Amino acid sequence: MTDKQYKVHVEKGRRLTGSFNPQNLEAALNSNAADGWHVVSSTWRSMTSEVMVILERDAQ
């Protein structure tokens, strides 16, 4: 069985406007994907305007 590594990425929206920039999240996910990470779960927290993404890859 292959060992796994996990990473949590949190992308926060702007506090005053509550807006969220999906391009920032996309850039972060593409950067992590280049290092072998893939998304296994995500959730949106509307109270804090942030998305939390769980990433996984085979242990290095």
N, C-alpha and C. Protein backbone atom coordinates (compact mmCIF):
# COMPACT_ATOMS: atom_id res chain seq x y z
N MET A 1 0.84 -1.18 0.00
CA MET A 1 0.00 0.00 0.00
C MET A 1 0.88 1.25 0.00
N THR A 2 0.52 2.23 -0.80
CA THR A 2 1.29 3.46 -0.93
C THR A 2 0.91 4.45 0.17
N ASP A 3 1.93 5.01 0.82
CA ASP A 3 1.67 6.05 1.81
C ASP A 3 1.24 7.32 1.10
N LYS A 4 0.41 8.10 1.77
CA LYS A 4 -0.12 9.34 1.21
C LYS A 4 0.30 10.54 2.06
N GLN A 5 0.36 11.69 1.42
CA GLN A 5 0.55 12.97 2.10
C GLN A 5 -0.69 13.80 1.84
N TYR A 6 -1.01 14.66 2.80
CA TYR A 6 -2.18 15.52 2.66
C TYR A 6 -1.79 16.96 2.95
N LYS A 7 -2.51 17.87 2.30
CA LYS A 7 -2.28 19.30 2.48
C LYS A 7 -3.63 19.99 2.49
N VAL A 8 -3.76 21.01 3.33
CA VAL A 8 -4.97 21.82 3.37
C VAL A 8 -4.65 23.20 2.80
N HIS A 9 -5.42 23.60 1.80
CA HIS A 9 -5.24 24.93 1.21
C HIS A 9 -6.51 25.74 1.50
N VAL A 10 -6.33 26.94 2.06
CA VAL A 10 -7.46 27.83 2.35
C VAL A 10 -7.29 29.10 1.54
N GLU A 11 -8.32 29.44 0.78
CA GLU A 11 -8.32 30.67 -0.01
C GLU A 11 -9.41 31.56 0.57
N LYS A 12 -9.01 32.73 1.04
CA LYS A 12 -9.95 33.63 1.70
C LYS A 12 -10.41 34.74 0.77
N GLY A 13 -11.67 35.12 0.92
CA GLY A 13 -12.21 36.26 0.19
C GLY A 13 -11.82 37.55 0.90
N ARG A 14 -12.15 38.65 0.28
CA ARG A 14 -11.87 39.95 0.89
C ARG A 14 -12.83 40.19 2.05
N ARG A 15 -12.30 40.64 3.15
CA ARG A 15 -13.09 40.83 4.36
C ARG A 15 -14.24 41.83 4.19
N LEU A 16 -13.96 42.99 3.64
CA LEU A 16 -14.98 44.04 3.59
C LEU A 16 -16.06 43.76 2.55
N THR A 17 -15.67 43.27 1.40
CA THR A 17 -16.65 43.05 0.33
C THR A 17 -17.19 41.64 0.32
N GLY A 18 -16.48 40.70 0.95
CA GLY A 18 -16.90 39.30 0.93
C GLY A 18 -16.70 38.64 -0.41
N SER A 19 -16.04 39.35 -1.35
CA SER A 19 -15.84 38.78 -2.68
C SER A 19 -14.72 37.75 -2.66
N PHE A 20 -14.80 36.84 -3.58
CA PHE A 20 -13.86 35.74 -3.69
C PHE A 20 -13.33 35.71 -5.11
N ASN A 21 -12.01 35.60 -5.26
CA ASN A 21 -11.40 35.59 -6.59
C ASN A 21 -11.05 34.15 -6.98
N PRO A 22 -11.84 33.52 -7.85
CA PRO A 22 -11.57 32.13 -8.22
C PRO A 22 -10.26 31.95 -8.97
N GLN A 23 -9.75 33.00 -9.62
CA GLN A 23 -8.48 32.88 -10.33
C GLN A 23 -7.33 32.61 -9.36
N ASN A 24 -7.39 33.17 -8.16
CA ASN A 24 -6.36 32.88 -7.15
C ASN A 24 -6.36 31.41 -6.76
N LEU A 25 -7.55 30.86 -6.56
CA LEU A 25 -7.67 29.44 -6.21
C LEU A 25 -7.18 28.57 -7.37
N GLU A 26 -7.58 28.91 -8.57
CA GLU A 26 -7.16 28.15 -9.75
C GLU A 26 -5.63 28.12 -9.88
N ALA A 27 -4.99 29.26 -9.68
CA ALA A 27 -3.53 29.34 -9.77
C ALA A 27 -2.88 28.46 -8.69
N ALA A 28 -3.42 28.50 -7.48
CA ALA A 28 -2.86 27.68 -6.39
C ALA A 28 -3.03 26.19 -6.69
N LEU A 29 -4.20 25.80 -7.18
CA LEU A 29 -4.44 24.39 -7.49
C LEU A 29 -3.55 23.91 -8.63
N ASN A 30 -3.37 24.74 -9.67
CA ASN A 30 -2.49 24.35 -10.77
C ASN A 30 -1.05 24.22 -10.32
N SER A 31 -0.62 25.10 -9.43
CA SER A 31 0.74 25.03 -8.90
C SER A 31 0.94 23.74 -8.10
N ASN A 32 -0.04 23.41 -7.26
CA ASN A 32 0.05 22.18 -6.48
C ASN A 32 -0.04 20.94 -7.37
N ALA A 33 -0.86 20.99 -8.40
CA ALA A 33 -0.99 19.86 -9.32
C ALA A 33 0.34 19.57 -10.01
N ALA A 34 1.08 20.61 -10.32
CA ALA A 34 2.39 20.43 -10.95
C ALA A 34 3.35 19.69 -10.03
N ASP A 35 3.09 19.74 -8.72
CA ASP A 35 3.91 19.03 -7.74
C ASP A 35 3.31 17.67 -7.35
N GLY A 36 2.28 17.23 -8.09
CA GLY A 36 1.72 15.91 -7.87
C GLY A 36 0.51 15.85 -6.95
N TRP A 37 0.01 16.99 -6.49
CA TRP A 37 -1.16 17.02 -5.60
C TRP A 37 -2.44 16.97 -6.42
N HIS A 38 -3.49 16.32 -5.88
CA HIS A 38 -4.81 16.38 -6.48
C HIS A 38 -5.86 16.59 -5.40
N VAL A 39 -6.96 17.19 -5.79
CA VAL A 39 -8.04 17.54 -4.85
C VAL A 39 -8.82 16.29 -4.48
N VAL A 40 -9.04 16.10 -3.17
CA VAL A 40 -9.87 15.00 -2.70
C VAL A 40 -11.15 15.50 -2.05
N SER A 41 -11.17 16.77 -1.63
CA SER A 41 -12.37 17.33 -1.01
C SER A 41 -12.27 18.84 -0.97
N SER A 42 -13.42 19.49 -0.90
CA SER A 42 -13.43 20.95 -0.73
C SER A 42 -14.72 21.36 -0.05
N THR A 43 -14.68 22.52 0.57
CA THR A 43 -15.87 23.07 1.22
C THR A 43 -15.81 24.58 1.19
N TRP A 44 -16.97 25.21 1.13
CA TRP A 44 -17.11 26.67 1.14
C TRP A 44 -17.64 27.07 2.50
N ARG A 45 -16.97 28.03 3.13
CA ARG A 45 -17.43 28.56 4.41
C ARG A 45 -17.94 29.98 4.18
N SER A 46 -19.25 30.11 4.05
CA SER A 46 -19.84 31.40 3.69
C SER A 46 -19.67 32.44 4.79
N MET A 47 -19.64 32.04 6.03
CA MET A 47 -19.50 33.01 7.13
C MET A 47 -18.17 33.74 7.07
N THR A 48 -17.15 33.09 6.55
CA THR A 48 -15.82 33.69 6.47
C THR A 48 -15.36 33.95 5.04
N SER A 49 -16.22 33.69 4.07
CA SER A 49 -15.91 33.85 2.64
C SER A 49 -14.59 33.17 2.28
N GLU A 50 -14.51 31.90 2.59
CA GLU A 50 -13.30 31.16 2.25
C GLU A 50 -13.63 29.75 1.79
N VAL A 51 -12.76 29.24 0.96
CA VAL A 51 -12.88 27.86 0.49
C VAL A 51 -11.69 27.09 1.05
N MET A 52 -11.97 25.87 1.52
CA MET A 52 -10.92 25.01 2.05
C MET A 52 -10.86 23.77 1.15
N VAL A 53 -9.66 23.47 0.67
CA VAL A 53 -9.45 22.36 -0.25
C VAL A 53 -8.46 21.39 0.37
N ILE A 54 -8.82 20.10 0.37
CA ILE A 54 -7.93 19.05 0.86
C ILE A 54 -7.25 18.42 -0.36
N LEU A 55 -5.92 18.38 -0.32
CA LEU A 55 -5.12 17.84 -1.42
C LEU A 55 -4.40 16.57 -0.95
N GLU A 56 -4.14 15.67 -1.89
CA GLU A 56 -3.49 14.39 -1.58
C GLU A 56 -2.47 14.08 -2.68
N ARG A 57 -1.39 13.41 -2.28
CA ARG A 57 -0.45 12.86 -3.25
C ARG A 57 0.25 11.66 -2.61
N ASP A 58 0.90 10.86 -3.45
CA ASP A 58 1.70 9.76 -2.92
C ASP A 58 2.87 10.37 -2.13
N ALA A 59 3.24 9.72 -1.05
CA ALA A 59 4.33 10.21 -0.20
C ALA A 59 5.61 10.32 -1.00
N GLN A 60 6.33 11.37 -0.76
CA GLN A 60 7.59 11.66 -1.46
C GLN A 60 8.76 11.13 -0.65
